[in-house]
Amino acid sequence: MARAAEATVARPGAASATRARVGKTMIAGYFSPDLARAVKLLAAERGVTVQALIGEGLDHVLMASGKSARGER
């Protein structure tokens, strides 16, 4: 019975993560471990999320192609 009670305890931040994803679509790719590590380190240095860095990078690609930045960070 203790296990059933433990299974129902929500992780901290789980509900807010779900709300943050409402209306969004994942964009994903496979990259080298070195690139992944560099992006994670940069995010930590800047005090932002990896998702924020990816959004910033995609905005730069869009603007370089003459498209409007979306500002999703």
Protein backbone atom coordinates (compact mmCIF):
# COMPACT_ATOMS: atom_id res chain seq x y z
CA MET A 1 0.00 0.00 0.00
CA ALA A 2 2.90 2.37 0.67
CA ARG A 3 4.04 1.97 -2.93
CA ALA A 4 0.66 3.07 -4.26
CA ALA A 5 0.83 6.23 -2.16
CA GLU A 6 4.36 6.96 -3.36
CA ALA A 7 3.34 6.53 -6.99
CA THR A 8 0.71 9.25 -6.70
CA VAL A 9 3.10 11.88 -5.33
CA ALA A 10 3.86 14.35 -8.09
CA ARG A 11 7.41 15.45 -8.80
CA PRO A 12 8.12 19.11 -8.01
CA GLY A 13 7.63 21.20 -11.13
CA ALA A 14 5.95 18.40 -13.11
CA ALA A 15 2.65 20.28 -13.48
CA SER A 16 4.35 23.51 -14.52
CA ALA A 17 6.44 21.66 -17.12
CA THR A 18 3.25 20.22 -18.58
CA ARG A 19 1.59 23.65 -18.69
CA ALA A 20 4.66 25.12 -20.39
CA ARG A 21 4.24 22.58 -23.20
CA VAL A 22 0.58 23.30 -23.93
CA GLY A 23 0.21 24.41 -27.54
CA LYS A 24 3.86 23.65 -28.34
CA THR A 25 5.52 21.06 -30.59
CA MET A 26 8.89 19.44 -29.96
CA ILE A 27 11.69 19.95 -32.47
CA ALA A 28 14.53 17.52 -31.88
CA GLY A 29 17.78 16.33 -33.42
CA TYR A 30 20.77 14.13 -32.74
CA PHE A 31 24.12 15.81 -32.12
CA SER A 32 27.55 14.81 -30.88
CA PRO A 33 28.18 14.49 -27.15
CA ASP A 34 30.71 17.34 -27.44
CA LEU A 35 28.09 19.72 -28.86
CA ALA A 36 25.53 18.66 -26.25
CA ARG A 37 28.06 19.28 -23.46
CA ALA A 38 29.02 22.69 -24.88
CA VAL A 39 25.37 23.78 -25.13
CA LYS A 40 24.63 22.63 -21.57
CA LEU A 41 27.70 24.46 -20.25
CA LEU A 42 26.75 27.66 -22.08
CA ALA A 43 23.21 27.45 -20.74
CA ALA A 44 24.56 27.06 -17.21
CA GLU A 45 26.99 29.96 -17.66
CA ARG A 46 24.17 32.21 -18.90
CA GLY A 47 21.70 30.95 -16.31
CA VAL A 48 19.17 29.94 -18.96
CA THR A 49 17.73 26.67 -20.20
CA VAL A 50 19.00 24.66 -23.15
CA GLN A 51 15.59 25.28 -24.70
CA ALA A 52 16.20 29.03 -24.48
CA LEU A 53 19.52 28.65 -26.30
CA ILE A 54 17.91 26.52 -28.99
CA GLY A 55 15.16 29.13 -29.43
CA GLU A 56 17.79 31.86 -29.72
CA GLY A 57 19.71 29.84 -32.30
CA LEU A 58 16.60 29.13 -34.36
CA ASP A 59 15.71 32.83 -34.28
CA HIS A 60 19.17 33.61 -35.73
CA VAL A 61 18.69 31.02 -38.49
CA LEU A 62 15.26 32.43 -39.33
CA MET A 63 16.54 36.02 -39.44
CA ALA A 64 19.52 35.00 -41.60
CA SER A 65 16.99 33.54 -44.04
CA GLY A 66 14.96 36.76 -44.14
CA LYS A 67 12.21 35.37 -41.87
CA SER A 68 10.77 36.89 -38.70
CA ALA A 69 12.20 35.75 -35.38
CA ARG A 70 9.67 34.04 -33.12
CA GLY A 71 11.26 34.95 -29.79
CA GLU A 72 10.38 31.64 -28.17
CA ARG A 73 12.70 31.24 -25.23
